[in-house]
Amino acid sequence: MSVESSETTAQGLILSDAASAKVKSLLEQQGEEGLQLRVAVQPGGCSGLRYQLFFDDRSMDGDIVTDFNGVSVVTDRMSAPYLVGATVDFVDTIEKQGFTIDNPNATGSCACGDSFN
């Protein structure tokens, strides 16, 4: 596992303060040691690629680990290029609650917002 400097982190995946606070809260509820938030891109969805966010205690060769306010965010080396400059946020409004990903690399997305191309 490699830990990136803040210089490199600025070019990688970004976790907003609201998202890191929510992840920290969810991790505390899980109560398991060693869990990290893994953000990955997988084939699928109606636009060709879909995001996956989940808690993971594994580490894979080539993982990029970044710390956001005490929350470790892991991206595998295959997903990382798709997530450069992408911002993971958490919204809690009357209309919607959940994590959102604003990805400048996406050329299009589907109506559900879960997949992109």
PDB file of N, CA and C in Angstrom:
ATOM      1  N   MET A   1       0.838  -1.183   0.000  1.00  0.00           N
ATOM      2  CA  MET A   1       0.000   0.000   0.000  1.00  0.00           C
ATOM      3  C   MET A   1       0.879   1.241   0.000  1.00  0.00           C
ATOM      4  N   SER A   2       0.462   2.230  -0.748  1.00  0.00           N
ATOM      5  CA  SER A   2       1.220   3.462  -0.779  1.00  0.00           C
ATOM      6  C   SER A   2       0.350   4.590  -0.245  1.00  0.00           C
ATOM      7  N   VAL A   3       0.957   5.499   0.437  1.00  0.00           N
ATOM      8  CA  VAL A   3       0.247   6.673   0.923  1.00  0.00           C
ATOM      9  C   VAL A   3       0.728   7.844   0.089  1.00  0.00           C
ATOM     10  N   GLU A   4      -0.224   8.539  -0.488  1.00  0.00           N
ATOM     11  CA  GLU A   4       0.141   9.633  -1.382  1.00  0.00           C
ATOM     12  C   GLU A   4       0.344  10.924  -0.601  1.00  0.00           C
ATOM     13  N   SER A   5       1.176  11.790  -1.128  1.00  0.00           N
ATOM     14  CA  SER A   5       1.356  13.103  -0.522  1.00  0.00           C
ATOM     15  C   SER A   5       0.159  13.970  -0.897  1.00  0.00           C
ATOM     16  N   SER A   6      -0.014  15.078  -0.175  1.00  0.00           N
ATOM     17  CA  SER A   6      -1.149  15.950  -0.456  1.00  0.00           C
ATOM     18  C   SER A   6      -1.056  16.528  -1.866  1.00  0.00           C
ATOM     19  N   GLU A   7       0.167  16.653  -2.389  1.00  0.00           N
ATOM     20  CA  GLU A   7       0.356  17.158  -3.744  1.00  0.00           C
ATOM     21  C   GLU A   7      -0.293  16.214  -4.755  1.00  0.00           C
ATOM     22  N   THR A   8      -0.050  14.920  -4.610  1.00  0.00           N
ATOM     23  CA  THR A   8      -0.623  13.935  -5.532  1.00  0.00           C
ATOM     24  C   THR A   8      -2.108  13.761  -5.266  1.00  0.00           C
ATOM     25  N   THR A   9      -2.485  13.843  -3.992  1.00  0.00           N
ATOM     26  CA  THR A   9      -3.875  13.648  -3.610  1.00  0.00           C
ATOM     27  C   THR A   9      -4.783  14.658  -4.308  1.00  0.00           C
ATOM     28  N   ALA A  10      -4.291  15.866  -4.486  1.00  0.00           N
ATOM     29  CA  ALA A  10      -5.092  16.900  -5.126  1.00  0.00           C
ATOM     30  C   ALA A  10      -5.507  16.476  -6.532  1.00  0.00           C
ATOM     31  N   GLN A  11      -4.726  15.595  -7.156  1.00  0.00           N
ATOM     32  CA  GLN A  11      -5.042  15.147  -8.506  1.00  0.00           C
ATOM     33  C   GLN A  11      -5.854  13.856  -8.501  1.00  0.00           C
ATOM     34  N   GLY A  12      -5.967  13.207  -7.367  1.00  0.00           N
ATOM     35  CA  GLY A  12      -6.681  11.945  -7.281  1.00  0.00           C
ATOM     36  C   GLY A  12      -8.127  12.132  -6.843  1.00  0.00           C
ATOM     37  N   LEU A  13      -8.657  11.106  -6.246  1.00  0.00           N
ATOM     38  CA  LEU A  13     -10.024  11.112  -5.730  1.00  0.00           C
ATOM     39  C   LEU A  13     -10.125  12.051  -4.536  1.00  0.00           C
ATOM     40  N   ILE A  14     -11.218  12.778  -4.427  1.00  0.00           N
ATOM     41  CA  ILE A  14     -11.418  13.725  -3.333  1.00  0.00           C
ATOM     42  C   ILE A  14     -12.652  13.292  -2.535  1.00  0.00           C
ATOM     43  N   LEU A  15     -12.533  13.267  -1.217  1.00  0.00           N
ATOM     44  CA  LEU A  15     -13.649  12.961  -0.331  1.00  0.00           C
ATOM     45  C   LEU A  15     -14.004  14.254   0.382  1.00  0.00           C
ATOM     46  N   SER A  16     -15.240  14.733   0.211  1.00  0.00           N
ATOM     47  CA  SER A  16     -15.643  15.991   0.842  1.00  0.00           C
ATOM     48  C   SER A  16     -15.698  15.819   2.358  1.00  0.00           C
ATOM     49  N   ASP A  17     -15.722  16.947   3.063  1.00  0.00           N
ATOM     50  CA  ASP A  17     -15.820  16.901   4.524  1.00  0.00           C
ATOM     51  C   ASP A  17     -17.112  16.207   4.965  1.00  0.00           C
ATOM     52  N   ALA A  18     -18.219  16.479   4.262  1.00  0.00           N
ATOM     53  CA  ALA A  18     -19.503  15.853   4.609  1.00  0.00           C
ATOM     54  C   ALA A  18     -19.425  14.339   4.411  1.00  0.00           C
ATOM     55  N   ALA A  19     -18.787  13.914   3.315  1.00  0.00           N
ATOM     56  CA  ALA A  19     -18.667  12.480   3.035  1.00  0.00           C
ATOM     57  C   ALA A  19     -17.749  11.809   4.045  1.00  0.00           C
ATOM     58  N   SER A  20     -16.626  12.450   4.389  1.00  0.00           N
ATOM     59  CA  SER A  20     -15.715  11.821   5.344  1.00  0.00           C
ATOM     60  C   SER A  20     -16.359  11.710   6.716  1.00  0.00           C
ATOM     61  N   ALA A  21     -17.165  12.707   7.111  1.00  0.00           N
ATOM     62  CA  ALA A  21     -17.873  12.640   8.396  1.00  0.00           C
ATOM     63  C   ALA A  21     -18.884  11.488   8.396  1.00  0.00           C
ATOM     64  N   LYS A  22     -19.595  11.301   7.284  1.00  0.00           N
ATOM     65  CA  LYS A  22     -20.579  10.212   7.186  1.00  0.00           C
ATOM     66  C   LYS A  22     -19.879   8.855   7.187  1.00  0.00           C
ATOM     67  N   VAL A  23     -18.784   8.739   6.450  1.00  0.00           N
ATOM     68  CA  VAL A  23     -18.031   7.479   6.415  1.00  0.00           C
ATOM     69  C   VAL A  23     -17.507   7.151   7.816  1.00  0.00           C
ATOM     70  N   LYS A  24     -16.969   8.157   8.497  1.00  0.00           N
ATOM     71  CA  LYS A  24     -16.444   7.947   9.851  1.00  0.00           C
ATOM     72  C   LYS A  24     -17.556   7.448  10.779  1.00  0.00           C
ATOM     73  N   SER A  25     -18.735   8.042  10.662  1.00  0.00           N
ATOM     74  CA  SER A  25     -19.885   7.633  11.465  1.00  0.00           C
ATOM     75  C   SER A  25     -20.296   6.194  11.150  1.00  0.00           C
ATOM     76  N   LEU A  26     -20.347   5.847   9.874  1.00  0.00           N
ATOM     77  CA  LEU A  26     -20.710   4.485   9.466  1.00  0.00           C
ATOM     78  C   LEU A  26     -19.671   3.469   9.936  1.00  0.00           C
ATOM     79  N   LEU A  27     -18.395   3.839   9.871  1.00  0.00           N
ATOM     80  CA  LEU A  27     -17.334   2.943  10.330  1.00  0.00           C
ATOM     81  C   LEU A  27     -17.442   2.696  11.829  1.00  0.00           C
ATOM     82  N   GLU A  28     -17.778   3.742  12.581  1.00  0.00           N
ATOM     83  CA  GLU A  28     -17.954   3.576  14.023  1.00  0.00           C
ATOM     84  C   GLU A  28     -19.116   2.633  14.316  1.00  0.00           C
ATOM     85  N   GLN A  29     -20.185   2.729  13.531  1.00  0.00           N
ATOM     86  CA  GLN A  29     -21.334   1.831  13.694  1.00  0.00           C
ATOM     87  C   GLN A  29     -20.943   0.388  13.391  1.00  0.00           C
ATOM     88  N   GLN A  30     -20.079   0.190  12.392  1.00  0.00           N
ATOM     89  CA  GLN A  30     -19.625  -1.157  12.033  1.00  0.00           C
ATOM     90  C   GLN A  30     -18.841  -1.779  13.177  1.00  0.00           C
ATOM     91  N   GLY A  31     -18.040  -0.951  13.843  1.00  0.00           N
ATOM     92  CA  GLY A  31     -17.285  -1.416  14.991  1.00  0.00           C
ATOM     93  C   GLY A  31     -16.167  -2.400  14.691  1.00  0.00           C
ATOM     94  N   GLU A  32     -15.782  -2.524  13.426  1.00  0.00           N
ATOM     95  CA  GLU A  32     -14.691  -3.441  13.062  1.00  0.00           C
ATOM     96  C   GLU A  32     -13.415  -2.647  12.828  1.00  0.00           C
ATOM     97  N   GLU A  33     -12.309  -3.191  13.278  1.00  0.00           N
ATOM     98  CA  GLU A  33     -11.020  -2.545  13.077  1.00  0.00           C
ATOM     99  C   GLU A  33     -10.521  -2.816  11.652  1.00  0.00           C
ATOM    100  N   GLY A  34      -9.778  -1.877  11.122  1.00  0.00           N
ATOM    101  CA  GLY A  34      -9.095  -2.097   9.849  1.00  0.00           C
ATOM    102  C   GLY A  34      -9.949  -1.907   8.608  1.00  0.00           C
ATOM    103  N   LEU A  35     -11.181  -1.425   8.756  1.00  0.00           N
ATOM    104  CA  LEU A  35     -12.015  -1.192   7.569  1.00  0.00           C
ATOM    105  C   LEU A  35     -11.653   0.146   6.929  1.00  0.00           C
ATOM    106  N   GLN A  36     -11.662   0.165   5.606  1.00  0.00           N
ATOM    107  CA  GLN A  36     -11.414   1.374   4.832  1.00  0.00           C
ATOM    108  C   GLN A  36     -12.523   1.510   3.802  1.00  0.00           C
ATOM    109  N   LEU A  37     -12.737   2.716   3.330  1.00  0.00           N
ATOM    110  CA  LEU A  37     -13.701   2.922   2.249  1.00  0.00           C
ATOM    111  C   LEU A  37     -12.996   2.641   0.936  1.00  0.00           C
ATOM    112  N   ARG A  38     -13.498   1.662   0.193  1.00  0.00           N
ATOM    113  CA  ARG A  38     -12.940   1.359  -1.123  1.00  0.00           C
ATOM    114  C   ARG A  38     -13.869   1.954  -2.173  1.00  0.00           C
ATOM    115  N   VAL A  39     -13.279   2.722  -3.085  1.00  0.00           N
ATOM    116  CA  VAL A  39     -14.017   3.297  -4.212  1.00  0.00           C
ATOM    117  C   VAL A  39     -13.447   2.647  -5.466  1.00  0.00           C
ATOM    118  N   ALA A  40     -14.328   2.013  -6.228  1.00  0.00           N
ATOM    119  CA  ALA A  40     -13.877   1.284  -7.413  1.00  0.00           C
ATOM    120  C   ALA A  40     -14.787   1.588  -8.592  1.00  0.00           C
ATOM    121  N   VAL A  41     -14.274   1.320  -9.773  1.00  0.00           N
ATOM    122  CA  VAL A  41     -15.038   1.429 -11.012  1.00  0.00           C
ATOM    123  C   VAL A  41     -15.086   0.031 -11.608  1.00  0.00           C
ATOM    124  N   GLN A  42     -16.290  -0.434 -11.930  1.00  0.00           N
ATOM    125  CA  GLN A  42     -16.484  -1.774 -12.484  1.00  0.00           C
ATOM    126  C   GLN A  42     -17.270  -1.676 -13.786  1.00  0.00           C
ATOM    127  N   PRO A  43     -17.054  -2.619 -14.715  1.00  0.00           N
ATOM    128  CA  PRO A  43     -17.895  -2.652 -15.915  1.00  0.00           C
ATOM    129  C   PRO A  43     -19.339  -2.938 -15.512  1.00  0.00           C
ATOM    130  N   GLY A  44     -20.268  -2.321 -16.219  1.00  0.00           N
ATOM    131  CA  GLY A  44     -21.679  -2.586 -15.940  1.00  0.00           C
ATOM    132  C   GLY A  44     -22.489  -1.299 -15.920  1.00  0.00           C
ATOM    133  N   GLY A  45     -23.726  -1.424 -15.525  1.00  0.00           N
ATOM    134  CA  GLY A  45     -24.622  -0.271 -15.523  1.00  0.00           C
ATOM    135  C   GLY A  45     -25.075   0.050 -16.938  1.00  0.00           C
ATOM    136  N   CYS A  46     -26.014   0.973 -17.045  1.00  0.00           N
ATOM    137  CA  CYS A  46     -26.558   1.274 -18.368  1.00  0.00           C
ATOM    138  C   CYS A  46     -25.646   2.142 -19.215  1.00  0.00           C
ATOM    139  N   SER A  47     -24.623   2.764 -18.612  1.00  0.00           N
ATOM    140  CA  SER A  47     -23.711   3.594 -19.396  1.00  0.00           C
ATOM    141  C   SER A  47     -22.354   2.945 -19.639  1.00  0.00           C
ATOM    142  N   GLY A  48     -22.146   1.744 -19.115  1.00  0.00           N
ATOM    143  CA  GLY A  48     -20.893   1.035 -19.393  1.00  0.00           C
ATOM    144  C   GLY A  48     -20.002   0.819 -18.183  1.00  0.00           C
ATOM    145  N   LEU A  49     -19.921   1.805 -17.276  1.00  0.00           N
ATOM    146  CA  LEU A  49     -19.114   1.688 -16.067  1.00  0.00           C
ATOM    147  C   LEU A  49     -19.959   2.113 -14.872  1.00  0.00           C
ATOM    148  N   ARG A  50     -19.730   1.475 -13.729  1.00  0.00           N
ATOM    149  CA  ARG A  50     -20.478   1.883 -12.545  1.00  0.00           C
ATOM    150  C   ARG A  50     -19.535   2.005 -11.357  1.00  0.00           C
ATOM    151  N   TYR A  51     -19.940   2.856 -10.433  1.00  0.00           N
ATOM    152  CA  TYR A  51     -19.153   3.072  -9.220  1.00  0.00           C
ATOM    153  C   TYR A  51     -19.511   2.042  -8.168  1.00  0.00           C
ATOM    154  N   GLN A  52     -18.527   1.694  -7.360  1.00  0.00           N
ATOM    155  CA  GLN A  52     -18.773   0.866  -6.188  1.00  0.00           C
ATOM    156  C   GLN A  52     -18.111   1.539  -4.999  1.00  0.00           C
ATOM    157  N   LEU A  53     -18.857   1.715  -3.925  1.00  0.00           N
ATOM    158  CA  LEU A  53     -18.328   2.223  -2.669  1.00  0.00           C
ATOM    159  C   LEU A  53     -18.669   1.184  -1.621  1.00  0.00           C
ATOM    160  N   PHE A  54     -17.660   0.679  -0.917  1.00  0.00           N
ATOM    161  CA  PHE A  54     -17.926  -0.310   0.119  1.00  0.00           C
ATOM    162  C   PHE A  54     -16.784  -0.340   1.113  1.00  0.00           C
ATOM    163  N   PHE A  55     -17.058  -0.885   2.294  1.00  0.00           N
ATOM    164  CA  PHE A  55     -16.026  -1.026   3.307  1.00  0.00           C
ATOM    165  C   PHE A  55     -15.259  -2.304   3.047  1.00  0.00           C
ATOM    166  N   ASP A  56     -13.944  -2.214   3.166  1.00  0.00           N
ATOM    167  CA  ASP A  56     -13.078  -3.326   2.814  1.00  0.00           C
ATOM    168  C   ASP A  56     -11.916  -3.388   3.798  1.00  0.00           C
ATOM    169  N   ASP A  57     -11.556  -4.595   4.199  1.00  0.00           N
ATOM    170  CA  ASP A  57     -10.394  -4.745   5.073  1.00  0.00           C
ATOM    171  C   ASP A  57      -9.213  -5.350   4.322  1.00  0.00           C
ATOM    172  N   ARG A  58      -9.393  -5.583   3.018  1.00  0.00           N
ATOM    173  CA  ARG A  58      -8.314  -6.159   2.205  1.00  0.00           C
ATOM    174  C   ARG A  58      -7.422  -5.064   1.657  1.00  0.00           C
ATOM    175  N   SER A  59      -6.209  -5.436   1.337  1.00  0.00           N
ATOM    176  CA  SER A  59      -5.354  -4.523   0.587  1.00  0.00           C
ATOM    177  C   SER A  59      -4.813  -5.303  -0.604  1.00  0.00           C
ATOM    178  N   MET A  60      -4.863  -4.676  -1.754  1.00  0.00           N
ATOM    179  CA  MET A  60      -4.413  -5.320  -2.984  1.00  0.00           C
ATOM    180  C   MET A  60      -3.165  -4.627  -3.498  1.00  0.00           C
ATOM    181  N   ASP A  61      -2.392  -5.353  -4.253  1.00  0.00           N
ATOM    182  CA  ASP A  61      -1.179  -4.820  -4.839  1.00  0.00           C
ATOM    183  C   ASP A  61      -1.520  -3.614  -5.709  1.00  0.00           C
ATOM    184  N   GLY A  62      -0.856  -2.508  -5.485  1.00  0.00           N
ATOM    185  CA  GLY A  62      -1.087  -1.314  -6.297  1.00  0.00           C
ATOM    186  C   GLY A  62      -2.167  -0.403  -5.763  1.00  0.00           C
ATOM    187  N   ASP A  63      -2.769  -0.734  -4.605  1.00  0.00           N
ATOM    188  CA  ASP A  63      -3.784   0.134  -4.012  1.00  0.00           C
ATOM    189  C   ASP A  63      -3.213   1.518  -3.735  1.00  0.00           C
ATOM    190  N   ILE A  64      -4.043   2.518  -3.940  1.00  0.00           N
ATOM    191  CA  ILE A  64      -3.690   3.887  -3.585  1.00  0.00           C
ATOM    192  C   ILE A  64      -4.534   4.236  -2.368  1.00  0.00           C
ATOM    193  N   VAL A  65      -3.875   4.576  -1.272  1.00  0.00           N
ATOM    194  CA  VAL A  65      -4.566   4.882  -0.017  1.00  0.00           C
ATOM    195  C   VAL A  65      -4.370   6.355   0.288  1.00  0.00           C
ATOM    196  N   THR A  66      -5.480   7.047   0.538  1.00  0.00           N
ATOM    197  CA  THR A  66      -5.427   8.458   0.870  1.00  0.00           C
ATOM    198  C   THR A  66      -6.223   8.679   2.142  1.00  0.00           C
ATOM    199  N   ASP A  67      -5.744   9.567   3.003  1.00  0.00           N
ATOM    200  CA  ASP A  67      -6.417   9.861   4.261  1.00  0.00           C
ATOM    201  C   ASP A  67      -7.180  11.175   4.144  1.00  0.00           C
ATOM    202  N   PHE A  68      -8.450  11.157   4.538  1.00  0.00           N
ATOM    203  CA  PHE A  68      -9.283  12.355   4.567  1.00  0.00           C
ATOM    204  C   PHE A  68      -9.868  12.479   5.967  1.00  0.00           C
ATOM    205  N   ASN A  69      -9.336  13.394   6.757  1.00  0.00           N
ATOM    206  CA  ASN A  69      -9.831  13.622   8.126  1.00  0.00           C
ATOM    207  C   ASN A  69      -9.926  12.331   8.926  1.00  0.00           C
ATOM    208  N   GLY A  70      -8.915  11.480   8.799  1.00  0.00           N
ATOM    209  CA  GLY A  70      -8.897  10.244   9.575  1.00  0.00           C
ATOM    210  C   GLY A  70      -9.609   9.074   8.920  1.00  0.00           C
ATOM    211  N   VAL A  71     -10.145   9.266   7.717  1.00  0.00           N
ATOM    212  CA  VAL A  71     -10.819   8.191   6.993  1.00  0.00           C
ATOM    213  C   VAL A  71      -9.899   7.738   5.859  1.00  0.00           C
ATOM    214  N   SER A  72      -9.575   6.446   5.834  1.00  0.00           N
ATOM    215  CA  SER A  72      -8.738   5.906   4.756  1.00  0.00           C
ATOM    216  C   SER A  72      -9.610   5.541   3.565  1.00  0.00           C
ATOM    217  N   VAL A  73      -9.266   6.095   2.416  1.00  0.00           N
ATOM    218  CA  VAL A  73      -9.973   5.800   1.176  1.00  0.00           C
ATOM    219  C   VAL A  73      -9.005   5.060   0.262  1.00  0.00           C
ATOM    220  N   VAL A  74      -9.437   3.904  -0.227  1.00  0.00           N
ATOM    221  CA  VAL A  74      -8.594   3.039  -1.047  1.00  0.00           C
ATOM    222  C   VAL A  74      -9.166   2.972  -2.459  1.00  0.00           C
ATOM    223  N   THR A  75      -8.286   3.076  -3.433  1.00  0.00           N
ATOM    224  CA  THR A  75      -8.667   2.912  -4.840  1.00  0.00           C
ATOM    225  C   THR A  75      -7.686   1.936  -5.464  1.00  0.00           C
ATOM    226  N   ASP A  76      -8.209   0.965  -6.199  1.00  0.00           N
ATOM    227  CA  ASP A  76      -7.303   0.021  -6.866  1.00  0.00           C
ATOM    228  C   ASP A  76      -6.693   0.689  -8.094  1.00  0.00           C
ATOM    229  N   ARG A  77      -5.575   0.153  -8.550  1.00  0.00           N
ATOM    230  CA  ARG A  77      -4.823   0.806  -9.631  1.00  0.00           C
ATOM    231  C   ARG A  77      -5.577   0.822 -10.958  1.00  0.00           C
ATOM    232  N   MET A  78      -6.515  -0.107 -11.165  1.00  0.00           N
ATOM    233  CA  MET A  78      -7.289  -0.112 -12.414  1.00  0.00           C
ATOM    234  C   MET A  78      -8.367   0.985 -12.395  1.00  0.00           C
ATOM    235  N   SER A  79      -8.931   1.252 -11.217  1.00  0.00           N
ATOM    236  CA  SER A  79      -9.994   2.259 -11.095  1.00  0.00           C
ATOM    237  C   SER A  79      -9.448   3.682 -11.018  1.00  0.00           C
ATOM    238  N   ALA A  80      -8.241   3.836 -10.470  1.00  0.00           N
ATOM    239  CA  ALA A  80      -7.685   5.164 -10.193  1.00  0.00           C
ATOM    240  C   ALA A  80      -7.745   6.132 -11.382  1.00  0.00           C
ATOM    241  N   PRO A  81      -7.370   5.714 -12.601  1.00  0.00           N
ATOM    242  CA  PRO A  81      -7.401   6.680 -13.710  1.00  0.00           C
ATOM    243  C   PRO A  81      -8.803   7.229 -14.004  1.00  0.00           C
ATOM    244  N   TYR A  82      -9.841   6.437 -13.725  1.00  0.00           N
ATOM    245  CA  TYR A  82     -11.215   6.887 -13.966  1.00  0.00           C
ATOM    246  C   TYR A  82     -11.683   7.871 -12.896  1.00  0.00           C
ATOM    247  N   LEU A  83     -10.966   7.923 -11.769  1.00  0.00           N
ATOM    248  CA  LEU A  83     -11.424   8.697 -10.618  1.00  0.00           C
ATOM    249  C   LEU A  83     -10.567   9.927 -10.328  1.00  0.00           C
ATOM    250  N   VAL A  84      -9.602  10.238 -11.203  1.00  0.00           N
ATOM    251  CA  VAL A  84      -8.752  11.413 -10.987  1.00  0.00           C
ATOM    252  C   VAL A  84      -9.610  12.674 -11.009  1.00  0.00           C
ATOM    253  N   GLY A  85      -9.576  13.423  -9.926  1.00  0.00           N
ATOM    254  CA  GLY A  85     -10.345  14.659  -9.843  1.00  0.00           C
ATOM    255  C   GLY A  85     -11.803  14.472  -9.468  1.00  0.00           C
ATOM    256  N   ALA A  86     -12.247  13.227  -9.297  1.00  0.00           N
ATOM    257  CA  ALA A  86     -13.641  12.970  -8.921  1.00  0.00           C
ATOM    258  C   ALA A  86     -13.837  13.289  -7.440  1.00  0.00           C
ATOM    259  N   THR A  87     -14.998  13.839  -7.097  1.00  0.00           N
ATOM    260  CA  THR A  87     -15.317  14.192  -5.722  1.00  0.00           C
ATOM    261  C   THR A  87     -16.459  13.330  -5.215  1.00  0.00           C
ATOM    262  N   VAL A  88     -16.210  12.633  -4.105  1.00  0.00           N
ATOM    263  CA  VAL A  88     -17.264  11.875  -3.440  1.00  0.00           C
ATOM    264  C   VAL A  88     -17.840  12.790  -2.364  1.00  0.00           C
ATOM    265  N   ASP A  89     -19.148  12.991  -2.412  1.00  0.00           N
ATOM    266  CA  ASP A  89     -19.821  13.868  -1.454  1.00  0.00           C
ATOM    267  C   ASP A  89     -20.969  13.100  -0.816  1.00  0.00           C
ATOM    268  N   PHE A  90     -21.493  13.624   0.280  1.00  0.00           N
ATOM    269  CA  PHE A  90     -22.676  13.035   0.903  1.00  0.00           C
ATOM    270  C   PHE A  90     -23.726  14.113   0.984  1.00  0.00           C
ATOM    271  N   VAL A  91     -24.898  13.839   0.417  1.00  0.00           N
ATOM    272  CA  VAL A  91     -26.002  14.802   0.456  1.00  0.00           C
ATOM    273  C   VAL A  91     -27.106  14.261   1.342  1.00  0.00           C
ATOM    274  N   ASP A  92     -27.716  15.153   2.079  1.00  0.00           N
ATOM    275  CA  ASP A  92     -28.819  14.790   2.969  1.00  0.00           C
ATOM    276  C   ASP A  92     -29.866  15.886   2.860  1.00  0.00           C
ATOM    277  N   THR A  93     -30.741  15.732   1.861  1.00  0.00           N
ATOM    278  CA  THR A  93     -31.789  16.718   1.641  1.00  0.00           C
ATOM    279  C   THR A  93     -33.137  16.013   1.705  1.00  0.00           C
ATOM    280  N   ILE A  94     -34.181  16.779   1.590  1.00  0.00           N
ATOM    281  CA  ILE A  94     -35.530  16.212   1.615  1.00  0.00           C
ATOM    282  C   ILE A  94     -35.763  15.308   0.410  1.00  0.00           C
ATOM    283  N   GLU A  95     -35.057  15.607  -0.714  1.00  0.00           N
ATOM    284  CA  GLU A  95     -35.244  14.847  -1.941  1.00  0.00           C
ATOM    285  C   GLU A  95     -34.367  13.612  -2.028  1.00  0.00           C
ATOM    286  N   LYS A  96     -33.181  13.683  -1.411  1.00  0.00           N
ATOM    287  CA  LYS A  96     -32.207  12.626  -1.641  1.00  0.00           C
ATOM    288  C   LYS A  96     -31.252  12.519  -0.466  1.00  0.00           C
ATOM    289  N   GLN A  97     -30.895  11.294  -0.123  1.00  0.00           N
ATOM    290  CA  GLN A  97     -29.854  11.089   0.875  1.00  0.00           C
ATOM    291  C   GLN A  97     -28.914  10.019   0.351  1.00  0.00           C
ATOM    292  N   GLY A  98     -27.629  10.301   0.399  1.00  0.00           N
ATOM    293  CA  GLY A  98     -26.663   9.305  -0.024  1.00  0.00           C
ATOM    294  C   GLY A  98     -25.404   9.926  -0.575  1.00  0.00           C
ATOM    295  N   PHE A  99     -24.505   9.039  -0.988  1.00  0.00           N
ATOM    296  CA  PHE A  99     -23.238   9.473  -1.544  1.00  0.00           C
ATOM    297  C   PHE A  99     -23.410   9.802  -3.017  1.00  0.00           C
ATOM    298  N   THR A 100     -22.744  10.853  -3.451  1.00  0.00           N
ATOM    299  CA  THR A 100     -22.752  11.232  -4.863  1.00  0.00           C
ATOM    300  C   THR A 100     -21.300  11.306  -5.339  1.00  0.00           C
ATOM    301  N   ILE A 101     -21.102  11.105  -6.623  1.00  0.00           N
ATOM    302  CA  ILE A 101     -19.760  11.221  -7.197  1.00  0.00           C
ATOM    303  C   ILE A 101     -19.833  12.183  -8.376  1.00  0.00           C
ATOM    304  N   ASP A 102     -19.077  13.259  -8.261  1.00  0.00           N
ATOM    305  CA  ASP A 102     -18.968  14.233  -9.342  1.00  0.00           C
ATOM    306  C   ASP A 102     -17.645  13.945 -10.037  1.00  0.00           C
ATOM    307  N   ASN A 103     -17.733  13.396 -11.244  1.00  0.00           N
ATOM    308  CA  ASN A 103     -16.548  12.921 -11.935  1.00  0.00           C
ATOM    309  C   ASN A 103     -16.322  13.696 -13.232  1.00  0.00           C
ATOM    310  N   PRO A 104     -15.266  14.511 -13.282  1.00  0.00           N
ATOM    311  CA  PRO A 104     -14.995  15.275 -14.509  1.00  0.00           C
ATOM    312  C   PRO A 104     -14.573  14.394 -15.684  1.00  0.00           C
ATOM    313  N   ASN A 105     -14.220  13.137 -15.431  1.00  0.00           N
ATOM    314  CA  ASN A 105     -13.808  12.230 -16.504  1.00  0.00           C
ATOM    315  C   ASN A 105     -14.986  11.597 -17.239  1.00  0.00           C
ATOM    316  N   ALA A 106     -16.171  11.650 -16.625  1.00  0.00           N
ATOM    317  CA  ALA A 106     -17.341  11.016 -17.233  1.00  0.00           C
ATOM    318  C   ALA A 106     -17.825  11.857 -18.406  1.00  0.00           C
ATOM    319  N   THR A 107     -17.992  11.222 -19.546  1.00  0.00           N
ATOM    320  CA  THR A 107     -18.492  11.942 -20.719  1.00  0.00           C
ATOM    321  C   THR A 107     -20.012  11.869 -20.788  1.00  0.00           C
ATOM    322  N   GLY A 108     -20.605  10.977 -20.031  1.00  0.00           N
ATOM    323  CA  GLY A 108     -22.057  10.863 -19.984  1.00  0.00           C
ATOM    324  C   GLY A 108     -22.435   9.963 -18.844  1.00  0.00           C
ATOM    325  N   SER A 109     -23.676  10.063 -18.414  1.00  0.00           N
ATOM    326  CA  SER A 109     -24.153   9.175 -17.348  1.00  0.00           C
ATOM    327  C   SER A 109     -25.605   8.828 -17.618  1.00  0.00           C
ATOM    328  N   CYS A 110     -26.104   7.880 -16.858  1.00  0.00           N
ATOM    329  CA  CYS A 110     -27.486   7.456 -17.057  1.00  0.00           C
ATOM    330  C   CYS A 110     -28.398   8.226 -16.104  1.00  0.00           C
ATOM    331  N   ALA A 111     -29.682   8.061 -16.250  1.00  0.00           N
ATOM    332  CA  ALA A 111     -30.654   8.790 -15.426  1.00  0.00           C
ATOM    333  C   ALA A 111     -30.534   8.436 -13.948  1.00  0.00           C
ATOM    334  N   CYS A 112     -30.170   7.190 -13.639  1.00  0.00           N
ATOM    335  CA  CYS A 112     -30.082   6.808 -12.228  1.00  0.00           C
ATOM    336  C   CYS A 112     -28.854   7.373 -11.553  1.00  0.00           C
ATOM    337  N   GLY A 113     -27.855   7.806 -12.346  1.00  0.00           N
ATOM    338  CA  GLY A 113     -26.652   8.406 -11.781  1.00  0.00           C
ATOM    339  C   GLY A 113     -25.657   7.415 -11.206  1.00  0.00           C
ATOM    340  N   ASP A 114     -25.921   6.120 -11.369  1.00  0.00           N
ATOM    341  CA  ASP A 114     -25.023   5.117 -10.817  1.00  0.00           C
ATOM    342  C   ASP A 114     -23.976   4.635 -11.797  1.00  0.00           C
ATOM    343  N   SER A 115     -24.111   4.979 -13.070  1.00  0.00           N
ATOM    344  CA  SER A 115     -23.119   4.523 -14.031  1.00  0.00           C
ATOM    345  C   SER A 115     -22.742   5.674 -14.964  1.00  0.00           C
ATOM    346  N   PHE A 116     -21.617   5.504 -15.634  1.00  0.00           N
ATOM    347  CA  PHE A 116     -21.100   6.575 -16.500  1.00  0.00           C
ATOM    348  C   PHE A 116     -20.289   5.961 -17.628  1.00  0.00           C
ATOM    349  N   ASN A 117     -19.912   6.826 -18.576  1.00  0.00           N
ATOM    350  CA  ASN A 117     -18.988   6.409 -19.642  1.00  0.00           C
ATOM    351  C   ASN A 117     -18.005   7.518 -19.918  1.00  0.00           C
TER     352      ASN A 117
END
